[in-house]
């Protein structure tokens, strides 16, 4: 491993340990809660983009506001890991301009260390491997931590466990799960939806302050809040009908 890569990974591991101490007091897998943690630190956007290679992105506006987009086309376990990855891009360390420092590698290690904390992962793994074959144990650990199967494989290797002939492709692990007769997991499915709470709040406030008509607001919210968009349309139609009756 290159020295620059080692520095990136060690730095990310240290930042992750400090982060977890601030967020949770007990040694548990943070799992789906990672998205709530992320939402407290940035404007969270859920997109549905049918692109296997697109997971998410961190954007900083010129105003200083930060936005994180997550692709809800991806399986849940991948979406959660992406949320943890993007947290690195909100950290102070992400601003470092050090020659050779690989921020993407650091973000991956940071995500792994958050979703699969060192001591907790070792403790659970030791118990699982005593009761199951290696592949089954990896699948069960991935379910418990709510992370991609390949993230478990890589994390265990980072923690000095040695394996051979283990795939680093998610699709192979889903096939392996079926072969082993392990029940399907909803974590392997996408939860299709789109949401942009910060944008929705701005639009609703503009309607309340009469800076935007209900029909215009409905058009703007049609993607992110279709049910609210329909309600605004119906309310506007009712209001127009009432005005017509009075006339």
C-alpha atoms as a PDB file:
ATOM      1  CA  UNK A   1       0.000   0.000   0.000  1.00  0.00           C
ATOM      2  CA  UNK A   2       1.298   3.449  -0.920  1.00  0.00           C
ATOM      3  CA  UNK A   3       2.244   5.713   2.045  1.00  0.00           C
ATOM      4  CA  UNK A   4      -0.255   8.338   0.840  1.00  0.00           C
ATOM      5  CA  UNK A   5      -3.051   5.742   0.849  1.00  0.00           C
ATOM      6  CA  UNK A   6      -2.060   4.586   4.337  1.00  0.00           C
ATOM      7  CA  UNK A   7      -2.162   8.176   5.596  1.00  0.00           C
ATOM      8  CA  UNK A   8      -5.626   8.690   4.076  1.00  0.00           C
ATOM      9  CA  UNK A   9      -6.984   5.510   5.634  1.00  0.00           C
ATOM     10  CA  UNK A  10      -5.449   6.087   9.080  1.00  0.00           C
ATOM     11  CA  UNK A  11      -6.744   9.656   9.130  1.00  0.00           C
ATOM     12  CA  UNK A  12     -10.238   8.542   8.123  1.00  0.00           C
ATOM     13  CA  UNK A  13     -10.260   5.826  10.779  1.00  0.00           C
ATOM     14  CA  UNK A  14      -9.350   8.343  13.481  1.00  0.00           C
ATOM     15  CA  UNK A  15     -11.977  10.845  12.335  1.00  0.00           C
ATOM     16  CA  UNK A  16     -14.614   8.097  12.262  1.00  0.00           C
ATOM     17  CA  UNK A  17     -13.871   7.056  15.855  1.00  0.00           C
ATOM     18  CA  UNK A  18     -14.210  10.655  17.017  1.00  0.00           C
ATOM     19  CA  UNK A  19     -17.412  11.083  15.013  1.00  0.00           C
ATOM     20  CA  UNK A  20     -19.033   8.000  16.542  1.00  0.00           C
ATOM     21  CA  UNK A  21     -18.143   9.178  20.050  1.00  0.00           C
ATOM     22  CA  UNK A  22     -20.095  12.363  19.356  1.00  0.00           C
ATOM     23  CA  UNK A  23     -23.109  10.710  17.720  1.00  0.00           C
ATOM     24  CA  UNK A  24     -23.772   7.566  19.764  1.00  0.00           C
ATOM     25  CA  UNK A  25     -22.691   6.539  23.251  1.00  0.00           C
ATOM     26  CA  UNK A  26     -22.966   2.768  22.882  1.00  0.00           C
ATOM     27  CA  UNK A  27     -21.161   0.312  20.644  1.00  0.00           C
ATOM     28  CA  UNK A  28     -23.849  -0.392  18.088  1.00  0.00           C
ATOM     29  CA  UNK A  29     -24.176  -0.462  14.335  1.00  0.00           C
ATOM     30  CA  UNK A  30     -25.522   2.909  13.256  1.00  0.00           C
ATOM     31  CA  UNK A  31     -27.294   1.435  10.190  1.00  0.00           C
ATOM     32  CA  UNK A  32     -30.166   3.400   8.668  1.00  0.00           C
ATOM     33  CA  UNK A  33     -29.783   6.141  11.282  1.00  0.00           C
ATOM     34  CA  UNK A  34     -26.851   7.430   9.219  1.00  0.00           C
ATOM     35  CA  UNK A  35     -29.287   9.310   6.975  1.00  0.00           C
ATOM     36  CA  UNK A  36     -30.775  11.180   9.944  1.00  0.00           C
ATOM     37  CA  UNK A  37     -27.263  12.076  11.057  1.00  0.00           C
ATOM     38  CA  UNK A  38     -26.465  13.327   7.571  1.00  0.00           C
ATOM     39  CA  UNK A  39     -29.694  15.355   7.377  1.00  0.00           C
ATOM     40  CA  UNK A  40     -28.633  17.313  10.475  1.00  0.00           C
ATOM     41  CA  UNK A  41     -25.439  18.389   8.782  1.00  0.00           C
ATOM     42  CA  UNK A  42     -26.555  19.174   5.234  1.00  0.00           C
ATOM     43  CA  UNK A  43     -29.580  19.618   2.994  1.00  0.00           C
ATOM     44  CA  UNK A  44     -30.422  16.063   2.014  1.00  0.00           C
ATOM     45  CA  UNK A  45     -31.783  15.296  -1.447  1.00  0.00           C
ATOM     46  CA  UNK A  46     -33.104  11.921  -2.545  1.00  0.00           C
ATOM     47  CA  UNK A  47     -33.023  11.441  -6.300  1.00  0.00           C
ATOM     48  CA  UNK A  48     -34.150   8.499  -8.400  1.00  0.00           C
ATOM     49  CA  UNK A  49     -31.655   8.137 -11.226  1.00  0.00           C
ATOM     50  CA  UNK A  50     -31.597   4.851 -13.122  1.00  0.00           C
ATOM     51  CA  UNK A  51     -27.828   4.677 -13.327  1.00  0.00           C
ATOM     52  CA  UNK A  52     -25.947   1.792 -11.700  1.00  0.00           C
ATOM     53  CA  UNK A  53     -22.789   3.887 -11.447  1.00  0.00           C
ATOM     54  CA  UNK A  54     -24.372   6.883  -9.692  1.00  0.00           C
ATOM     55  CA  UNK A  55     -24.591   6.665  -5.908  1.00  0.00           C
ATOM     56  CA  UNK A  56     -24.606  10.233  -4.654  1.00  0.00           C
ATOM     57  CA  UNK A  57     -22.758  13.525  -4.569  1.00  0.00           C
ATOM     58  CA  UNK A  58     -21.782  16.311  -2.166  1.00  0.00           C
ATOM     59  CA  UNK A  59     -22.253  19.910  -3.324  1.00  0.00           C
ATOM     60  CA  UNK A  60     -21.325  23.141  -1.572  1.00  0.00           C
ATOM     61  CA  UNK A  61     -23.197  26.237  -2.742  1.00  0.00           C
ATOM     62  CA  UNK A  62     -21.419  29.603  -3.010  1.00  0.00           C
ATOM     63  CA  UNK A  63     -23.581  30.724  -0.081  1.00  0.00           C
ATOM     64  CA  UNK A  64     -21.889  28.132   2.094  1.00  0.00           C
ATOM     65  CA  UNK A  65     -24.900  25.825   2.249  1.00  0.00           C
ATOM     66  CA  UNK A  66     -24.105  22.155   1.804  1.00  0.00           C
ATOM     67  CA  UNK A  67     -26.191  19.621  -0.103  1.00  0.00           C
ATOM     68  CA  UNK A  68     -25.915  15.856  -0.261  1.00  0.00           C
ATOM     69  CA  UNK A  69     -27.771  13.921  -2.956  1.00  0.00           C
ATOM     70  CA  UNK A  70     -28.399  10.175  -2.589  1.00  0.00           C
ATOM     71  CA  UNK A  71     -29.662   7.953  -5.383  1.00  0.00           C
ATOM     72  CA  UNK A  72     -32.725   5.997  -4.245  1.00  0.00           C
ATOM     73  CA  UNK A  73     -32.301   3.773  -7.315  1.00  0.00           C
ATOM     74  CA  UNK A  74     -29.535   1.999  -5.391  1.00  0.00           C
ATOM     75  CA  UNK A  75     -30.320  -0.831  -2.924  1.00  0.00           C
ATOM     76  CA  UNK A  76     -30.845   0.363   0.642  1.00  0.00           C
ATOM     77  CA  UNK A  77     -27.619  -1.104   1.971  1.00  0.00           C
ATOM     78  CA  UNK A  78     -25.650   0.745  -0.733  1.00  0.00           C
ATOM     79  CA  UNK A  79     -27.562   3.976  -0.096  1.00  0.00           C
ATOM     80  CA  UNK A  80     -26.725   3.900   3.601  1.00  0.00           C
ATOM     81  CA  UNK A  81     -23.043   3.317   2.902  1.00  0.00           C
ATOM     82  CA  UNK A  82     -23.065   6.180   0.397  1.00  0.00           C
ATOM     83  CA  UNK A  83     -24.549   8.468   3.062  1.00  0.00           C
ATOM     84  CA  UNK A  84     -21.629   7.620   5.348  1.00  0.00           C
ATOM     85  CA  UNK A  85     -19.175   8.149   2.498  1.00  0.00           C
ATOM     86  CA  UNK A  86     -20.579  11.604   1.770  1.00  0.00           C
ATOM     87  CA  UNK A  87     -20.236  12.579   5.438  1.00  0.00           C
ATOM     88  CA  UNK A  88     -16.483  12.652   4.893  1.00  0.00           C
ATOM     89  CA  UNK A  89     -16.973  15.407   2.335  1.00  0.00           C
ATOM     90  CA  UNK A  90     -18.628  17.501   5.060  1.00  0.00           C
ATOM     91  CA  UNK A  91     -15.781  17.011   7.536  1.00  0.00           C
ATOM     92  CA  UNK A  92     -12.989  19.459   8.251  1.00  0.00           C
ATOM     93  CA  UNK A  93     -10.523  16.937   6.890  1.00  0.00           C
ATOM     94  CA  UNK A  94     -12.164  17.088   3.473  1.00  0.00           C
ATOM     95  CA  UNK A  95     -10.739  20.613   3.109  1.00  0.00           C
ATOM     96  CA  UNK A  96      -7.161  19.432   3.427  1.00  0.00           C
ATOM     97  CA  UNK A  97      -5.007  20.201   0.429  1.00  0.00           C
ATOM     98  CA  UNK A  98      -2.165  17.758   0.973  1.00  0.00           C
ATOM     99  CA  UNK A  99      -0.235  16.398  -1.996  1.00  0.00           C
ATOM    100  CA  UNK A 100      -1.170  12.805  -2.698  1.00  0.00           C
ATOM    101  CA  UNK A 101      -3.961  12.638  -0.116  1.00  0.00           C
ATOM    102  CA  UNK A 102      -6.691  10.481  -1.630  1.00  0.00           C
ATOM    103  CA  UNK A 103      -9.983  11.914  -0.379  1.00  0.00           C
ATOM    104  CA  UNK A 104     -12.139   9.322  -2.121  1.00  0.00           C
ATOM    105  CA  UNK A 105     -10.220   6.488  -0.491  1.00  0.00           C
ATOM    106  CA  UNK A 106     -10.445   8.325   2.826  1.00  0.00           C
ATOM    107  CA  UNK A 107     -14.210   8.722   2.372  1.00  0.00           C
ATOM    108  CA  UNK A 108     -14.612   4.981   1.761  1.00  0.00           C
ATOM    109  CA  UNK A 109     -12.544   4.126   4.844  1.00  0.00           C
ATOM    110  CA  UNK A 110     -14.447   6.705   6.886  1.00  0.00           C
ATOM    111  CA  UNK A 111     -17.757   5.158   5.800  1.00  0.00           C
ATOM    112  CA  UNK A 112     -16.550   1.657   6.632  1.00  0.00           C
ATOM    113  CA  UNK A 113     -15.322   2.730  10.051  1.00  0.00           C
ATOM    114  CA  UNK A 114     -18.627   4.444  10.839  1.00  0.00           C
ATOM    115  CA  UNK A 115     -20.896   1.687   9.608  1.00  0.00           C
ATOM    116  CA  UNK A 116     -18.635  -1.139  10.849  1.00  0.00           C
ATOM    117  CA  UNK A 117     -16.870   0.177  13.990  1.00  0.00           C
ATOM    118  CA  UNK A 118     -13.661  -1.691  14.729  1.00  0.00           C
ATOM    119  CA  UNK A 119     -14.392  -3.149  18.173  1.00  0.00           C
ATOM    120  CA  UNK A 120     -18.073  -3.922  17.496  1.00  0.00           C
ATOM    121  CA  UNK A 121     -17.322  -5.542  14.164  1.00  0.00           C
ATOM    122  CA  UNK A 122     -14.595  -7.736  15.626  1.00  0.00           C
ATOM    123  CA  UNK A 123     -16.793  -8.807  18.523  1.00  0.00           C
ATOM    124  CA  UNK A 124     -19.751  -9.717  16.315  1.00  0.00           C
ATOM    125  CA  UNK A 125     -17.585 -11.369  13.687  1.00  0.00           C
ATOM    126  CA  UNK A 126     -15.881 -13.650  16.220  1.00  0.00           C
ATOM    127  CA  UNK A 127     -19.275 -14.894  17.349  1.00  0.00           C
ATOM    128  CA  UNK A 128     -20.685 -15.307  13.851  1.00  0.00           C
ATOM    129  CA  UNK A 129     -17.743 -17.226  12.436  1.00  0.00           C
ATOM    130  CA  UNK A 130     -17.941 -19.702  15.304  1.00  0.00           C
ATOM    131  CA  UNK A 131     -21.490 -20.602  14.332  1.00  0.00           C
ATOM    132  CA  UNK A 132     -21.542 -20.306  10.538  1.00  0.00           C
ATOM    133  CA  UNK A 133     -19.399 -20.813   7.464  1.00  0.00           C
ATOM    134  CA  UNK A 134     -17.481 -17.717   6.330  1.00  0.00           C
ATOM    135  CA  UNK A 135     -19.837 -16.683   3.531  1.00  0.00           C
ATOM    136  CA  UNK A 136     -22.981 -17.032   5.637  1.00  0.00           C
ATOM    137  CA  UNK A 137     -21.338 -15.091   8.456  1.00  0.00           C
ATOM    138  CA  UNK A 138     -20.445 -12.261   6.060  1.00  0.00           C
ATOM    139  CA  UNK A 139     -24.021 -12.098   4.797  1.00  0.00           C
ATOM    140  CA  UNK A 140     -25.438 -12.003   8.335  1.00  0.00           C
ATOM    141  CA  UNK A 141     -22.973  -9.300   9.380  1.00  0.00           C
ATOM    142  CA  UNK A 142     -23.888  -7.244   6.297  1.00  0.00           C
ATOM    143  CA  UNK A 143     -27.555  -7.498   7.285  1.00  0.00           C
ATOM    144  CA  UNK A 144     -26.902  -6.553  10.902  1.00  0.00           C
ATOM    145  CA  UNK A 145     -24.822  -3.496   9.968  1.00  0.00           C
ATOM    146  CA  UNK A 146     -27.052  -2.669   6.966  1.00  0.00           C
ATOM    147  CA  UNK A 147     -24.100  -2.317   4.619  1.00  0.00           C
ATOM    148  CA  UNK A 148     -23.057  -3.792   1.249  1.00  0.00           C
ATOM    149  CA  UNK A 149     -21.636  -7.317   1.387  1.00  0.00           C
ATOM    150  CA  UNK A 150     -18.406  -6.180  -0.256  1.00  0.00           C
ATOM    151  CA  UNK A 151     -17.983  -3.527   2.437  1.00  0.00           C
ATOM    152  CA  UNK A 152     -17.965  -6.274   5.052  1.00  0.00           C
ATOM    153  CA  UNK A 153     -15.347  -8.240   3.107  1.00  0.00           C
ATOM    154  CA  UNK A 154     -13.094  -5.194   2.769  1.00  0.00           C
ATOM    155  CA  UNK A 155     -13.606  -4.091   6.347  1.00  0.00           C
ATOM    156  CA  UNK A 156     -12.714  -7.496   7.755  1.00  0.00           C
ATOM    157  CA  UNK A 157      -9.556  -7.456   5.665  1.00  0.00           C
ATOM    158  CA  UNK A 158      -8.763  -3.995   7.020  1.00  0.00           C
ATOM    159  CA  UNK A 159      -9.105  -5.487  10.501  1.00  0.00           C
ATOM    160  CA  UNK A 160      -6.504  -8.114   9.571  1.00  0.00           C
ATOM    161  CA  UNK A 161      -8.760 -11.078   8.872  1.00  0.00           C
ATOM    162  CA  UNK A 162      -7.494 -13.089   5.940  1.00  0.00           C
ATOM    163  CA  UNK A 163      -9.764 -14.630   3.306  1.00  0.00           C
ATOM    164  CA  UNK A 164      -9.370 -16.100  -0.144  1.00  0.00           C
ATOM    165  CA  UNK A 165     -11.792 -16.595  -3.009  1.00  0.00           C
ATOM    166  CA  UNK A 166     -14.293 -14.015  -1.775  1.00  0.00           C
ATOM    167  CA  UNK A 167     -16.037 -11.887  -4.390  1.00  0.00           C
ATOM    168  CA  UNK A 168     -16.059  -8.097  -4.238  1.00  0.00           C
ATOM    169  CA  UNK A 169     -19.144  -7.836  -6.438  1.00  0.00           C
ATOM    170  CA  UNK A 170     -22.551  -7.270  -4.844  1.00  0.00           C
ATOM    171  CA  UNK A 171     -24.360  -9.312  -7.467  1.00  0.00           C
ATOM    172  CA  UNK A 172     -22.257 -12.366  -6.607  1.00  0.00           C
ATOM    173  CA  UNK A 173     -23.198 -12.078  -2.958  1.00  0.00           C
ATOM    174  CA  UNK A 174     -26.896 -11.870  -3.753  1.00  0.00           C
ATOM    175  CA  UNK A 175     -26.538 -15.061  -5.778  1.00  0.00           C
ATOM    176  CA  UNK A 176     -24.586 -16.644  -2.917  1.00  0.00           C
ATOM    177  CA  UNK A 177     -27.324 -15.688  -0.500  1.00  0.00           C
ATOM    178  CA  UNK A 178     -29.856 -17.506  -2.645  1.00  0.00           C
ATOM    179  CA  UNK A 179     -27.582 -20.534  -3.050  1.00  0.00           C
ATOM    180  CA  UNK A 180     -27.156 -20.798   0.712  1.00  0.00           C
ATOM    181  CA  UNK A 181     -30.915 -20.624   1.223  1.00  0.00           C
ATOM    182  CA  UNK A 182     -30.751 -17.419   3.286  1.00  0.00           C
ATOM    183  CA  UNK A 183     -34.019 -15.472   3.158  1.00  0.00           C
ATOM    184  CA  UNK A 184     -34.096 -12.414   0.853  1.00  0.00           C
ATOM    185  CA  UNK A 185     -33.383  -9.076   2.495  1.00  0.00           C
ATOM    186  CA  UNK A 186     -35.214  -5.783   1.831  1.00  0.00           C
ATOM    187  CA  UNK A 187     -31.767  -4.183   2.080  1.00  0.00           C
ATOM    188  CA  UNK A 188     -31.064  -5.583  -1.386  1.00  0.00           C
ATOM    189  CA  UNK A 189     -33.996  -3.649  -2.819  1.00  0.00           C
ATOM    190  CA  UNK A 190     -34.290   0.001  -3.775  1.00  0.00           C
ATOM    191  CA  UNK A 191     -36.811   2.200  -1.984  1.00  0.00           C
ATOM    192  CA  UNK A 192     -37.889   4.370  -4.873  1.00  0.00           C
ATOM    193  CA  UNK A 193     -38.724   7.948  -3.950  1.00  0.00           C
ATOM    194  CA  UNK A 194     -37.551  11.517  -4.417  1.00  0.00           C
ATOM    195  CA  UNK A 195     -37.390  14.149  -1.721  1.00  0.00           C
ATOM    196  CA  UNK A 196     -35.802  17.569  -1.140  1.00  0.00           C
ATOM    197  CA  UNK A 197     -37.113  18.851   2.246  1.00  0.00           C
ATOM    198  CA  UNK A 198     -35.202  22.168   2.211  1.00  0.00           C
ATOM    199  CA  UNK A 199     -36.592  23.050  -1.218  1.00  0.00           C
ATOM    200  CA  UNK A 200     -40.099  21.990  -0.202  1.00  0.00           C
ATOM    201  CA  UNK A 201     -39.967  24.258   2.850  1.00  0.00           C
ATOM    202  CA  UNK A 202     -38.902  27.249   0.758  1.00  0.00           C
ATOM    203  CA  UNK A 203     -41.766  26.703  -1.712  1.00  0.00           C
ATOM    204  CA  UNK A 204     -44.385  26.266   1.017  1.00  0.00           C
ATOM    205  CA  UNK A 205     -43.181  29.407   2.792  1.00  0.00           C
ATOM    206  CA  UNK A 206     -43.405  31.372  -0.460  1.00  0.00           C
ATOM    207  CA  UNK A 207     -47.057  30.272  -0.827  1.00  0.00           C
ATOM    208  CA  UNK A 208     -47.837  31.243   2.763  1.00  0.00           C
ATOM    209  CA  UNK A 209     -46.301  34.681   2.187  1.00  0.00           C
ATOM    210  CA  UNK A 210     -48.217  34.982  -1.116  1.00  0.00           C
ATOM    211  CA  UNK A 211     -45.028  35.292  -3.138  1.00  0.00           C
ATOM    212  CA  UNK A 212     -45.984  32.215  -5.141  1.00  0.00           C
ATOM    213  CA  UNK A 213     -49.349  30.952  -6.372  1.00  0.00           C
ATOM    214  CA  UNK A 214     -50.562  27.499  -5.378  1.00  0.00           C
ATOM    215  CA  UNK A 215     -50.501  26.355  -9.000  1.00  0.00           C
ATOM    216  CA  UNK A 216     -46.897  27.486  -9.448  1.00  0.00           C
ATOM    217  CA  UNK A 217     -45.959  25.804  -6.185  1.00  0.00           C
ATOM    218  CA  UNK A 218     -47.716  22.610  -7.266  1.00  0.00           C
ATOM    219  CA  UNK A 219     -45.653  22.571 -10.444  1.00  0.00           C
ATOM    220  CA  UNK A 220     -42.409  23.018  -8.496  1.00  0.00           C
ATOM    221  CA  UNK A 221     -43.302  20.267  -6.006  1.00  0.00           C
ATOM    222  CA  UNK A 222     -44.649  17.738  -8.504  1.00  0.00           C
ATOM    223  CA  UNK A 223     -41.470  15.649  -8.409  1.00  0.00           C
ATOM    224  CA  UNK A 224     -40.499  15.808  -4.743  1.00  0.00           C
ATOM    225  CA  UNK A 225     -43.916  16.036  -3.065  1.00  0.00           C
ATOM    226  CA  UNK A 226     -46.607  14.866  -5.522  1.00  0.00           C
ATOM    227  CA  UNK A 227     -49.240  14.485  -2.801  1.00  0.00           C
ATOM    228  CA  UNK A 228     -48.675  18.070  -1.607  1.00  0.00           C
ATOM    229  CA  UNK A 229     -48.682  19.259  -5.221  1.00  0.00           C
ATOM    230  CA  UNK A 230     -52.091  17.644  -5.780  1.00  0.00           C
ATOM    231  CA  UNK A 231     -53.422  19.194  -2.576  1.00  0.00           C
ATOM    232  CA  UNK A 232     -52.276  22.654  -3.669  1.00  0.00           C
ATOM    233  CA  UNK A 233     -53.844  22.185  -7.103  1.00  0.00           C
ATOM    234  CA  UNK A 234     -57.151  21.058  -5.605  1.00  0.00           C
ATOM    235  CA  UNK A 235     -57.116  23.929  -3.142  1.00  0.00           C
ATOM    236  CA  UNK A 236     -56.504  26.434  -5.939  1.00  0.00           C
ATOM    237  CA  UNK A 237     -59.272  24.927  -8.106  1.00  0.00           C
ATOM    238  CA  UNK A 238     -61.713  25.061  -5.177  1.00  0.00           C
ATOM    239  CA  UNK A 239     -60.786  28.665  -4.480  1.00  0.00           C
ATOM    240  CA  UNK A 240     -61.298  29.651  -8.138  1.00  0.00           C
ATOM    241  CA  UNK A 241     -64.642  27.850  -8.248  1.00  0.00           C
ATOM    242  CA  UNK A 242     -65.733  29.631  -5.091  1.00  0.00           C
ATOM    243  CA  UNK A 243     -64.721  33.007  -6.519  1.00  0.00           C
ATOM    244  CA  UNK A 244     -66.615  32.236  -9.734  1.00  0.00           C
ATOM    245  CA  UNK A 245     -69.746  31.372  -7.742  1.00  0.00           C
ATOM    246  CA  UNK A 246     -69.580  34.646  -5.834  1.00  0.00           C
ATOM    247  CA  UNK A 247     -69.168  36.580  -9.094  1.00  0.00           C
END
